[in-house]
PDB file of N, CA and C in Angstrom:
ATOM      1  N   MET A   1     -35.473  11.830 -48.475  1.00  0.00           N
ATOM      2  CA  MET A   1     -34.230  11.298 -48.216  1.00  0.00           C
ATOM      3  C   MET A   1     -33.872  10.364 -46.384  1.00  0.00           C
ATOM      4  N   THR A   2     -32.407   9.803 -47.015  1.00  0.00           N
ATOM      5  CA  THR A   2     -32.563   9.083 -45.519  1.00  0.00           C
ATOM      6  C   THR A   2     -31.951   9.923 -44.513  1.00  0.00           C
ATOM      7  N   GLU A   3     -31.522   9.444 -43.134  1.00  0.00           N
ATOM      8  CA  GLU A   3     -31.421   9.740 -42.450  1.00  0.00           C
ATOM      9  C   GLU A   3     -29.813  10.931 -42.011  1.00  0.00           C
ATOM     10  N   LYS A   4     -29.226   9.935 -42.693  1.00  0.00           N
ATOM     11  CA  LYS A   4     -28.244   9.884 -42.924  1.00  0.00           C
ATOM     12  C   LYS A   4     -27.679  11.249 -43.631  1.00  0.00           C
ATOM     13  N   ALA A   5     -28.402  11.512 -44.892  1.00  0.00           N
ATOM     14  CA  ALA A   5     -28.547  12.531 -46.141  1.00  0.00           C
ATOM     15  C   ALA A   5     -28.666  14.086 -45.751  1.00  0.00           C
ATOM     16  N   GLU A   6     -29.624  14.088 -43.948  1.00  0.00           N
ATOM     17  CA  GLU A   6     -30.852  14.886 -43.616  1.00  0.00           C
ATOM     18  C   GLU A   6     -29.422  15.348 -42.808  1.00  0.00           C
ATOM     19  N   ALA A   7     -28.556  14.610 -42.383  1.00  0.00           N
ATOM     20  CA  ALA A   7     -27.964  14.808 -41.163  1.00  0.00           C
ATOM     21  C   ALA A   7     -26.854  15.703 -41.474  1.00  0.00           C
ATOM     22  N   THR A   8     -26.359  15.618 -42.850  1.00  0.00           N
ATOM     23  CA  THR A   8     -25.406  16.133 -43.486  1.00  0.00           C
ATOM     24  C   THR A   8     -25.722  17.404 -44.449  1.00  0.00           C
ATOM     25  N   GLU A   9     -26.835  18.040 -44.317  1.00  0.00           N
ATOM     26  CA  GLU A   9     -27.344  18.814 -44.664  1.00  0.00           C
ATOM     27  C   GLU A   9     -26.902  20.382 -43.867  1.00  0.00           C
ATOM     28  N   GLU A  10     -26.381  21.233 -44.374  1.00  0.00           N
ATOM     29  CA  GLU A  10     -26.043  22.397 -43.500  1.00  0.00           C
ATOM     30  C   GLU A  10     -27.072  23.179 -42.978  1.00  0.00           C
ATOM     31  N   GLN A  11     -26.562  22.962 -41.758  1.00  0.00           N
ATOM     32  CA  GLN A  11     -27.717  23.836 -40.673  1.00  0.00           C
ATOM     33  C   GLN A  11     -26.942  25.518 -40.022  1.00  0.00           C
ATOM     34  N   PRO A  12     -27.877  26.363 -40.088  1.00  0.00           N
ATOM     35  CA  PRO A  12     -27.338  27.203 -39.748  1.00  0.00           C
ATOM     36  C   PRO A  12     -26.614  27.560 -38.452  1.00  0.00           C
ATOM     37  N   ILE A  13     -25.779  27.725 -38.120  1.00  0.00           N
ATOM     38  CA  ILE A  13     -25.309  27.502 -36.714  1.00  0.00           C
ATOM     39  C   ILE A  13     -25.837  28.653 -35.494  1.00  0.00           C
ATOM     40  N   ASP A  14     -26.334  28.124 -34.383  1.00  0.00           N
ATOM     41  CA  ASP A  14     -27.404  29.140 -33.980  1.00  0.00           C
ATOM     42  C   ASP A  14     -25.965  29.267 -32.585  1.00  0.00           C
ATOM     43  N   TYR A  15     -25.085  30.912 -32.946  1.00  0.00           N
ATOM     44  CA  TYR A  15     -24.122  31.089 -32.239  1.00  0.00           C
ATOM     45  C   TYR A  15     -24.002  31.503 -30.759  1.00  0.00           C
ATOM     46  N   GLU A  16     -24.983  31.734 -30.382  1.00  0.00           N
ATOM     47  CA  GLU A  16     -25.878  32.797 -28.881  1.00  0.00           C
ATOM     48  C   GLU A  16     -25.953  31.080 -28.335  1.00  0.00           C
ATOM     49  N   ALA A  17     -26.670  29.861 -29.077  1.00  0.00           N
ATOM     50  CA  ALA A  17     -26.896  28.731 -28.192  1.00  0.00           C
ATOM     51  C   ALA A  17     -25.200  28.326 -27.606  1.00  0.00           C
ATOM     52  N   VAL A  18     -24.484  28.642 -28.480  1.00  0.00           N
ATOM     53  CA  VAL A  18     -23.372  27.650 -28.011  1.00  0.00           C
ATOM     54  C   VAL A  18     -23.126  28.460 -27.006  1.00  0.00           C
ATOM     55  N   ARG A  19     -23.251  30.104 -26.832  1.00  0.00           N
ATOM     56  CA  ARG A  19     -22.151  30.704 -26.291  1.00  0.00           C
ATOM     57  C   ARG A  19     -23.089  30.578 -25.186  1.00  0.00           C
ATOM     58  N   ARG A  20     -23.918  29.798 -24.708  1.00  0.00           N
ATOM     59  CA  ARG A  20     -24.642  29.984 -23.299  1.00  0.00           C
ATOM     60  C   ARG A  20     -24.222  28.348 -23.099  1.00  0.00           C
ATOM     61  N   ARG A  21     -24.170  27.632 -23.735  1.00  0.00           N
ATOM     62  CA  ARG A  21     -23.659  26.452 -23.463  1.00  0.00           C
ATOM     63  C   ARG A  21     -22.238  26.203 -23.107  1.00  0.00           C
ATOM     64  N   PHE A  22     -21.463  26.652 -23.995  1.00  0.00           N
ATOM     65  CA  PHE A  22     -20.249  26.749 -23.688  1.00  0.00           C
ATOM     66  C   PHE A  22     -19.357  28.298 -23.613  1.00  0.00           C
ATOM     67  N   PRO A  23     -19.766  28.976 -22.206  1.00  0.00           N
ATOM     68  CA  PRO A  23     -19.339  30.513 -22.342  1.00  0.00           C
ATOM     69  C   PRO A  23     -18.099  30.610 -22.531  1.00  0.00           C
ATOM     70  N   TRP A  24     -17.061  29.880 -22.995  1.00  0.00           N
ATOM     71  CA  TRP A  24     -15.484  30.470 -23.075  1.00  0.00           C
ATOM     72  C   TRP A  24     -15.012  30.159 -24.486  1.00  0.00           C
ATOM     73  N   VAL A  25     -16.334  30.017 -25.482  1.00  0.00           N
ATOM     74  CA  VAL A  25     -16.071  29.672 -26.693  1.00  0.00           C
ATOM     75  C   VAL A  25     -16.135  31.342 -27.172  1.00  0.00           C
ATOM     76  N   GLY A  26     -14.891  32.026 -27.825  1.00  0.00           N
ATOM     77  CA  GLY A  26     -14.601  33.381 -28.283  1.00  0.00           C
ATOM     78  C   GLY A  26     -13.843  33.998 -27.333  1.00  0.00           C
ATOM     79  N   CYS A  27     -13.753  33.131 -25.821  1.00  0.00           N
ATOM     80  CA  CYS A  27     -12.983  34.443 -25.157  1.00  0.00           C
ATOM     81  C   CYS A  27     -11.074  34.457 -25.686  1.00  0.00           C
ATOM     82  N   GLY A  28     -11.092  33.457 -26.646  1.00  0.00           N
ATOM     83  CA  GLY A  28      -9.516  33.041 -26.691  1.00  0.00           C
ATOM     84  C   GLY A  28      -9.139  34.330 -27.715  1.00  0.00           C
ATOM     85  N   PRO A  29      -7.904  34.390 -28.128  1.00  0.00           N
ATOM     86  CA  PRO A  29      -7.352  35.331 -29.409  1.00  0.00           C
ATOM     87  C   PRO A  29      -7.629  34.638 -30.557  1.00  0.00           C
ATOM     88  N   ALA A  30      -8.146  35.811 -31.416  1.00  0.00           N
ATOM     89  CA  ALA A  30      -8.631  35.401 -32.296  1.00  0.00           C
ATOM     90  C   ALA A  30      -7.896  34.706 -33.604  1.00  0.00           C
ATOM     91  N   GLU A  31      -6.790  35.490 -33.824  1.00  0.00           N
ATOM     92  CA  GLU A  31      -5.236  35.122 -34.150  1.00  0.00           C
ATOM     93  C   GLU A  31      -4.551  33.578 -34.273  1.00  0.00           C
ATOM     94  N   GLU A  32      -4.104  33.016 -35.112  1.00  0.00           N
ATOM     95  CA  GLU A  32      -3.469  31.968 -34.643  1.00  0.00           C
ATOM     96  C   GLU A  32      -2.463  31.497 -34.047  1.00  0.00           C
ATOM     97  N   HIS A  33      -2.573  30.714 -33.224  1.00  0.00           N
ATOM     98  CA  HIS A  33      -1.123  30.456 -32.236  1.00  0.00           C
ATOM     99  C   HIS A  33       0.303  29.959 -33.181  1.00  0.00           C
ATOM    100  N   ASP A  34       1.540  30.714 -32.543  1.00  0.00           N
ATOM    101  CA  ASP A  34       2.393  29.930 -33.327  1.00  0.00           C
ATOM    102  C   ASP A  34       3.019  28.755 -33.761  1.00  0.00           C
ATOM    103  N   PHE A  35       2.604  27.945 -32.223  1.00  0.00           N
ATOM    104  CA  PHE A  35       2.350  26.456 -32.221  1.00  0.00           C
ATOM    105  C   PHE A  35       1.572  25.908 -33.183  1.00  0.00           C
ATOM    106  N   SER A  36       0.395  26.780 -33.407  1.00  0.00           N
ATOM    107  CA  SER A  36      -0.412  25.611 -34.822  1.00  0.00           C
ATOM    108  C   SER A  36       0.219  25.409 -36.184  1.00  0.00           C
ATOM    109  N   LYS A  37       0.853  26.806 -35.988  1.00  0.00           N
ATOM    110  CA  LYS A  37       1.292  27.247 -37.673  1.00  0.00           C
ATOM    111  C   LYS A  37       2.715  26.400 -37.495  1.00  0.00           C
ATOM    112  N   THR A  38       3.277  25.977 -36.789  1.00  0.00           N
ATOM    113  CA  THR A  38       4.512  25.279 -36.950  1.00  0.00           C
ATOM    114  C   THR A  38       3.897  23.611 -37.015  1.00  0.00           C
ATOM    115  N   TYR A  39       2.717  23.061 -36.254  1.00  0.00           N
ATOM    116  CA  TYR A  39       2.713  22.159 -36.648  1.00  0.00           C
ATOM    117  C   TYR A  39       1.399  22.008 -37.485  1.00  0.00           C
ATOM    118  N   ARG A  40       1.085  22.799 -38.175  1.00  0.00           N
ATOM    119  CA  ARG A  40       0.694  22.513 -39.548  1.00  0.00           C
ATOM    120  C   ARG A  40       2.084  22.795 -40.857  1.00  0.00           C
ATOM    121  N   ASP A  41       2.777  23.460 -40.637  1.00  0.00           N
ATOM    122  CA  ASP A  41       3.892  23.411 -41.452  1.00  0.00           C
ATOM    123  C   ASP A  41       4.815  22.167 -41.509  1.00  0.00           C
ATOM    124  N   VAL A  42       4.657  21.845 -40.355  1.00  0.00           N
ATOM    125  CA  VAL A  42       5.921  20.392 -40.098  1.00  0.00           C
ATOM    126  C   VAL A  42       4.365  18.995 -40.899  1.00  0.00           C
ATOM    127  N   LEU A  43       3.304  19.267 -40.388  1.00  0.00           N
ATOM    128  CA  LEU A  43       2.550  18.275 -41.035  1.00  0.00           C
ATOM    129  C   LEU A  43       3.062  18.017 -42.884  1.00  0.00           C
ATOM    130  N   ALA A  44       2.891  19.274 -43.308  1.00  0.00           N
ATOM    131  CA  ALA A  44       2.814  19.631 -44.713  1.00  0.00           C
ATOM    132  C   ALA A  44       4.033  19.486 -45.606  1.00  0.00           C
ATOM    133  N   ASP A  45       5.132  19.225 -44.267  1.00  0.00           N
ATOM    134  CA  ASP A  45       6.526  18.937 -45.083  1.00  0.00           C
ATOM    135  C   ASP A  45       6.391  17.475 -45.004  1.00  0.00           C
ATOM    136  N   ALA A  46       5.994  16.772 -44.163  1.00  0.00           N
ATOM    137  CA  ALA A  46       5.514  15.435 -43.920  1.00  0.00           C
ATOM    138  C   ALA A  46       5.092  14.871 -44.922  1.00  0.00           C
ATOM    139  N   ARG A  47       4.087  15.131 -45.965  1.00  0.00           N
ATOM    140  CA  ARG A  47       3.381  14.656 -46.744  1.00  0.00           C
ATOM    141  C   ARG A  47       3.665  15.009 -48.245  1.00  0.00           C
ATOM    142  N   VAL A  48       4.836  15.908 -47.618  1.00  0.00           N
ATOM    143  CA  VAL A  48       5.917  16.053 -49.272  1.00  0.00           C
ATOM    144  C   VAL A  48       6.843  15.415 -49.251  1.00  0.00           C
ATOM    145  N   SER A  49       7.524  15.184 -48.238  1.00  0.00           N
ATOM    146  CA  SER A  49       8.704  14.143 -48.473  1.00  0.00           C
ATOM    147  C   SER A  49       8.142  12.732 -48.321  1.00  0.00           C
ATOM    148  N   ARG A  50       6.905  12.189 -48.743  1.00  0.00           N
ATOM    149  CA  ARG A  50       6.833  11.305 -48.559  1.00  0.00           C
ATOM    150  C   ARG A  50       6.790  10.486 -50.021  1.00  0.00           C
TER     151      ARG A  50
END
C-alpha cells in the first residue's frame, strides 16, 4: 500500500492520550449549543435555495 492509503485507514483513537495532551477536551457541555443548530439550519436552507 502507499503511504496515503495507509494514512486513511481507520485507527482507534487513544482518548487518554488526547486528554493528557488537551486536558480541556470533554470539559464542555455534551449537548449541542443553540448557535450550532441555528448555523447548521441556515446553511441547509442556503443549499436548498440554490
